Amino acid sequence: MTENKNLRQHGEVITWVMTEEERLEYIKKHPIIPTEEPQTKLQVFPMND
């Protein structure tokens, strides 16, 4: 019988903690740049009564 090993096991979780000043400095260095316009479409589903 063969053994199925999960080769994609999760690694250790590392939590980063920043002060508010460090966070603001990081945002200045790495601003969020939108890649496309947000979708403003409204999706409506028919209701079955």
PDB file of N, CA and C in Angstrom:
ATOM      1  N   MET A   1       0.839  -1.167   0.000  1.00  0.00           N
ATOM      2  CA  MET A   1       0.000   0.000   0.000  1.00  0.00           C
ATOM      3  C   MET A   1       0.891   1.239   0.000  1.00  0.00           C
ATOM      4  N   THR A   2       0.514   2.246  -0.785  1.00  0.00           N
ATOM      5  CA  THR A   2       1.315   3.467  -0.841  1.00  0.00           C
ATOM      6  C   THR A   2       0.801   4.478   0.175  1.00  0.00           C
ATOM      7  N   GLU A   3       1.688   5.376   0.572  1.00  0.00           N
ATOM      8  CA  GLU A   3       1.331   6.379   1.566  1.00  0.00           C
ATOM      9  C   GLU A   3       1.194   7.724   0.873  1.00  0.00           C
ATOM     10  N   ASN A   4       0.070   8.388   1.053  1.00  0.00           N
ATOM     11  CA  ASN A   4      -0.150   9.696   0.452  1.00  0.00           C
ATOM     12  C   ASN A   4       0.327  10.772   1.421  1.00  0.00           C
ATOM     13  N   LYS A   5       1.393  11.465   1.036  1.00  0.00           N
ATOM     14  CA  LYS A   5       1.913  12.542   1.870  1.00  0.00           C
ATOM     15  C   LYS A   5       1.499  13.875   1.270  1.00  0.00           C
ATOM     16  N   ASN A   6       1.099  14.788   2.117  1.00  0.00           N
ATOM     17  CA  ASN A   6       0.737  16.122   1.659  1.00  0.00           C
ATOM     18  C   ASN A   6       2.023  16.928   1.504  1.00  0.00           C
ATOM     19  N   LEU A   7       2.410  17.174   0.258  1.00  0.00           N
ATOM     20  CA  LEU A   7       3.643  17.910   0.012  1.00  0.00           C
ATOM     21  C   LEU A   7       3.452  19.419   0.157  1.00  0.00           C
ATOM     22  N   ARG A   8       2.213  19.858   0.275  1.00  0.00           N
ATOM     23  CA  ARG A   8       1.914  21.288   0.396  1.00  0.00           C
ATOM     24  C   ARG A   8       1.465  21.624   1.811  1.00  0.00           C
ATOM     25  N   GLN A   9       2.193  21.165   2.780  1.00  0.00           N
ATOM     26  CA  GLN A   9       1.837  21.446   4.159  1.00  0.00           C
ATOM     27  C   GLN A   9       2.117  22.907   4.472  1.00  0.00           C
ATOM     28  N   HIS A  10       1.298  23.454   5.337  1.00  0.00           N
ATOM     29  CA  HIS A  10       1.457  24.842   5.720  1.00  0.00           C
ATOM     30  C   HIS A  10       2.681  25.013   6.607  1.00  0.00           C
ATOM     31  N   GLY A  11       3.340  26.143   6.435  1.00  0.00           N
ATOM     32  CA  GLY A  11       4.499  26.444   7.255  1.00  0.00           C
ATOM     33  C   GLY A  11       4.101  27.218   8.495  1.00  0.00           C
ATOM     34  N   GLU A  12       5.106  27.655   9.206  1.00  0.00           N
ATOM     35  CA  GLU A  12       4.889  28.406  10.438  1.00  0.00           C
ATOM     36  C   GLU A  12       4.316  29.790  10.109  1.00  0.00           C
ATOM     37  N   VAL A  13       3.397  30.257  10.922  1.00  0.00           N
ATOM     38  CA  VAL A  13       2.797  31.575  10.733  1.00  0.00           C
ATOM     39  C   VAL A  13       3.627  32.595  11.494  1.00  0.00           C
ATOM     40  N   ILE A  14       4.039  33.655  10.793  1.00  0.00           N
ATOM     41  CA  ILE A  14       4.828  34.717  11.412  1.00  0.00           C
ATOM     42  C   ILE A  14       3.955  35.967  11.472  1.00  0.00           C
ATOM     43  N   THR A  15       3.812  36.542  12.652  1.00  0.00           N
ATOM     44  CA  THR A  15       3.001  37.737  12.836  1.00  0.00           C
ATOM     45  C   THR A  15       3.912  38.944  12.935  1.00  0.00           C
ATOM     46  N   TRP A  16       3.619  39.961  12.109  1.00  0.00           N
ATOM     47  CA  TRP A  16       4.386  41.201  12.136  1.00  0.00           C
ATOM     48  C   TRP A  16       3.602  42.234  12.932  1.00  0.00           C
ATOM     49  N   VAL A  17       4.296  42.926  13.823  1.00  0.00           N
ATOM     50  CA  VAL A  17       3.660  43.953  14.626  1.00  0.00           C
ATOM     51  C   VAL A  17       4.360  45.269  14.331  1.00  0.00           C
ATOM     52  N   MET A  18       3.569  46.303  13.967  1.00  0.00           N
ATOM     53  CA  MET A  18       4.129  47.620  13.652  1.00  0.00           C
ATOM     54  C   MET A  18       3.482  48.661  14.548  1.00  0.00           C
ATOM     55  N   THR A  19       4.253  49.699  14.836  1.00  0.00           N
ATOM     56  CA  THR A  19       3.648  50.850  15.499  1.00  0.00           C
ATOM     57  C   THR A  19       2.918  51.657  14.437  1.00  0.00           C
ATOM     58  N   GLU A  20       2.104  52.600  14.851  1.00  0.00           N
ATOM     59  CA  GLU A  20       1.357  53.423  13.903  1.00  0.00           C
ATOM     60  C   GLU A  20       2.315  54.223  13.013  1.00  0.00           C
ATOM     61  N   GLU A  21       3.415  54.714  13.573  1.00  0.00           N
ATOM     62  CA  GLU A  21       4.395  55.475  12.791  1.00  0.00           C
ATOM     63  C   GLU A  21       5.064  54.590  11.741  1.00  0.00           C
ATOM     64  N   GLU A  22       5.413  53.363  12.116  1.00  0.00           N
ATOM     65  CA  GLU A  22       6.017  52.430  11.164  1.00  0.00           C
ATOM     66  C   GLU A  22       5.049  52.089  10.042  1.00  0.00           C
ATOM     67  N   ARG A  23       3.764  51.919  10.394  1.00  0.00           N
ATOM     68  CA  ARG A  23       2.748  51.603   9.401  1.00  0.00           C
ATOM     69  C   ARG A  23       2.578  52.743   8.403  1.00  0.00           C
ATOM     70  N   LEU A  24       2.519  53.977   8.888  1.00  0.00           N
ATOM     71  CA  LEU A  24       2.378  55.126   8.005  1.00  0.00           C
ATOM     72  C   LEU A  24       3.605  55.294   7.113  1.00  0.00           C
ATOM     73  N   GLU A  25       4.783  55.046   7.660  1.00  0.00           N
ATOM     74  CA  GLU A  25       6.020  55.119   6.868  1.00  0.00           C
ATOM     75  C   GLU A  25       6.032  54.042   5.788  1.00  0.00           C
ATOM     76  N   TYR A  26       5.559  52.859   6.112  1.00  0.00           N
ATOM     77  CA  TYR A  26       5.485  51.769   5.137  1.00  0.00           C
ATOM     78  C   TYR A  26       4.527  52.130   4.010  1.00  0.00           C
ATOM     79  N   ILE A  27       3.384  52.714   4.366  1.00  0.00           N
ATOM     80  CA  ILE A  27       2.405  53.103   3.352  1.00  0.00           C
ATOM     81  C   ILE A  27       2.976  54.181   2.438  1.00  0.00           C
ATOM     82  N   LYS A  28       3.775  55.110   2.975  1.00  0.00           N
ATOM     83  CA  LYS A  28       4.410  56.130   2.133  1.00  0.00           C
ATOM     84  C   LYS A  28       5.393  55.496   1.156  1.00  0.00           C
ATOM     85  N   LYS A  29       6.139  54.488   1.620  1.00  0.00           N
ATOM     86  CA  LYS A  29       7.120  53.810   0.757  1.00  0.00           C
ATOM     87  C   LYS A  29       6.442  52.916  -0.270  1.00  0.00           C
ATOM     88  N   HIS A  30       5.338  52.285   0.120  1.00  0.00           N
ATOM     89  CA  HIS A  30       4.647  51.312  -0.732  1.00  0.00           C
ATOM     90  C   HIS A  30       3.173  51.689  -0.860  1.00  0.00           C
ATOM     91  N   PRO A  31       2.860  52.725  -1.642  1.00  0.00           N
ATOM     92  CA  PRO A  31       1.453  53.140  -1.749  1.00  0.00           C
ATOM     93  C   PRO A  31       0.618  52.116  -2.506  1.00  0.00           C
ATOM     94  N   ILE A  32      -0.657  52.110  -2.201  1.00  0.00           N
ATOM     95  CA  ILE A  32      -1.591  51.210  -2.888  1.00  0.00           C
ATOM     96  C   ILE A  32      -1.986  51.884  -4.198  1.00  0.00           C
ATOM     97  N   ILE A  33      -1.686  51.232  -5.301  1.00  0.00           N
ATOM     98  CA  ILE A  33      -1.987  51.766  -6.622  1.00  0.00           C
ATOM     99  C   ILE A  33      -3.042  50.880  -7.256  1.00  0.00           C
ATOM    100  N   PRO A  34      -4.256  51.411  -7.476  1.00  0.00           N
ATOM    101  CA  PRO A  34      -5.296  50.582  -8.098  1.00  0.00           C
ATOM    102  C   PRO A  34      -4.902  50.207  -9.525  1.00  0.00           C
ATOM    103  N   THR A  35      -5.157  48.977  -9.910  1.00  0.00           N
ATOM    104  CA  THR A  35      -4.792  48.511 -11.245  1.00  0.00           C
ATOM    105  C   THR A  35      -5.910  48.689 -12.247  1.00  0.00           C
ATOM    106  N   GLU A  36      -7.141  48.783 -11.778  1.00  0.00           N
ATOM    107  CA  GLU A  36      -8.270  48.977 -12.680  1.00  0.00           C
ATOM    108  C   GLU A  36      -9.387  49.672 -11.924  1.00  0.00           C
ATOM    109  N   GLU A  37     -10.341  50.173 -12.679  1.00  0.00           N
ATOM    110  CA  GLU A  37     -11.478  50.839 -12.062  1.00  0.00           C
ATOM    111  C   GLU A  37     -12.340  49.813 -11.329  1.00  0.00           C
ATOM    112  N   PRO A  38     -12.851  50.177 -10.167  1.00  0.00           N
ATOM    113  CA  PRO A  38     -13.732  49.238  -9.470  1.00  0.00           C
ATOM    114  C   PRO A  38     -15.024  49.033 -10.252  1.00  0.00           C
ATOM    115  N   GLN A  39     -15.552  47.830 -10.169  1.00  0.00           N
ATOM    116  CA  GLN A  39     -16.787  47.516 -10.875  1.00  0.00           C
ATOM    117  C   GLN A  39     -17.971  48.057 -10.087  1.00  0.00           C
ATOM    118  N   THR A  40     -18.834  48.785 -10.776  1.00  0.00           N
ATOM    119  CA  THR A  40     -19.999  49.361 -10.119  1.00  0.00           C
ATOM    120  C   THR A  40     -21.281  48.694 -10.602  1.00  0.00           C
ATOM    121  N   LYS A  41     -21.153  47.515 -11.164  1.00  0.00           N
ATOM    122  CA  LYS A  41     -22.323  46.797 -11.664  1.00  0.00           C
ATOM    123  C   LYS A  41     -23.109  46.209 -10.500  1.00  0.00           C
ATOM    124  N   LEU A  42     -24.409  46.216 -10.641  1.00  0.00           N
ATOM    125  CA  LEU A  42     -25.279  45.610  -9.660  1.00  0.00           C
ATOM    126  C   LEU A  42     -25.817  44.317 -10.244  1.00  0.00           C
ATOM    127  N   GLN A  43     -25.570  43.228  -9.558  1.00  0.00           N
ATOM    128  CA  GLN A  43     -26.029  41.937 -10.057  1.00  0.00           C
ATOM    129  C   GLN A  43     -27.347  41.596  -9.364  1.00  0.00           C
ATOM    130  N   VAL A  44     -28.386  41.406 -10.161  1.00  0.00           N
ATOM    131  CA  VAL A  44     -29.716  41.128  -9.625  1.00  0.00           C
ATOM    132  C   VAL A  44     -30.104  39.704 -10.000  1.00  0.00           C
ATOM    133  N   PHE A  45     -30.549  38.961  -9.011  1.00  0.00           N
ATOM    134  CA  PHE A  45     -30.988  37.591  -9.240  1.00  0.00           C
ATOM    135  C   PHE A  45     -32.509  37.550  -9.200  1.00  0.00           C
ATOM    136  N   PRO A  46     -33.137  36.855 -10.123  1.00  0.00           N
ATOM    137  CA  PRO A  46     -34.606  36.769 -10.095  1.00  0.00           C
ATOM    138  C   PRO A  46     -35.075  35.949  -8.893  1.00  0.00           C
ATOM    139  N   MET A  47     -36.160  36.395  -8.308  1.00  0.00           N
ATOM    140  CA  MET A  47     -36.722  35.680  -7.155  1.00  0.00           C
ATOM    141  C   MET A  47     -37.859  34.787  -7.624  1.00  0.00           C
ATOM    142  N   ASN A  48     -37.855  33.570  -7.173  1.00  0.00           N
ATOM    143  CA  ASN A  48     -38.922  32.620  -7.505  1.00  0.00           C
ATOM    144  C   ASN A  48     -39.939  32.623  -6.372  1.00  0.00           C
ATOM    145  N   ASP A  49     -41.147  33.041  -6.672  1.00  0.00           N
ATOM    146  CA  ASP A  49     -42.196  33.066  -5.636  1.00  0.00           C
ATOM    147  C   ASP A  49     -43.037  31.815  -5.684  1.00  0.00           C
TER     148      ASP A  49
END
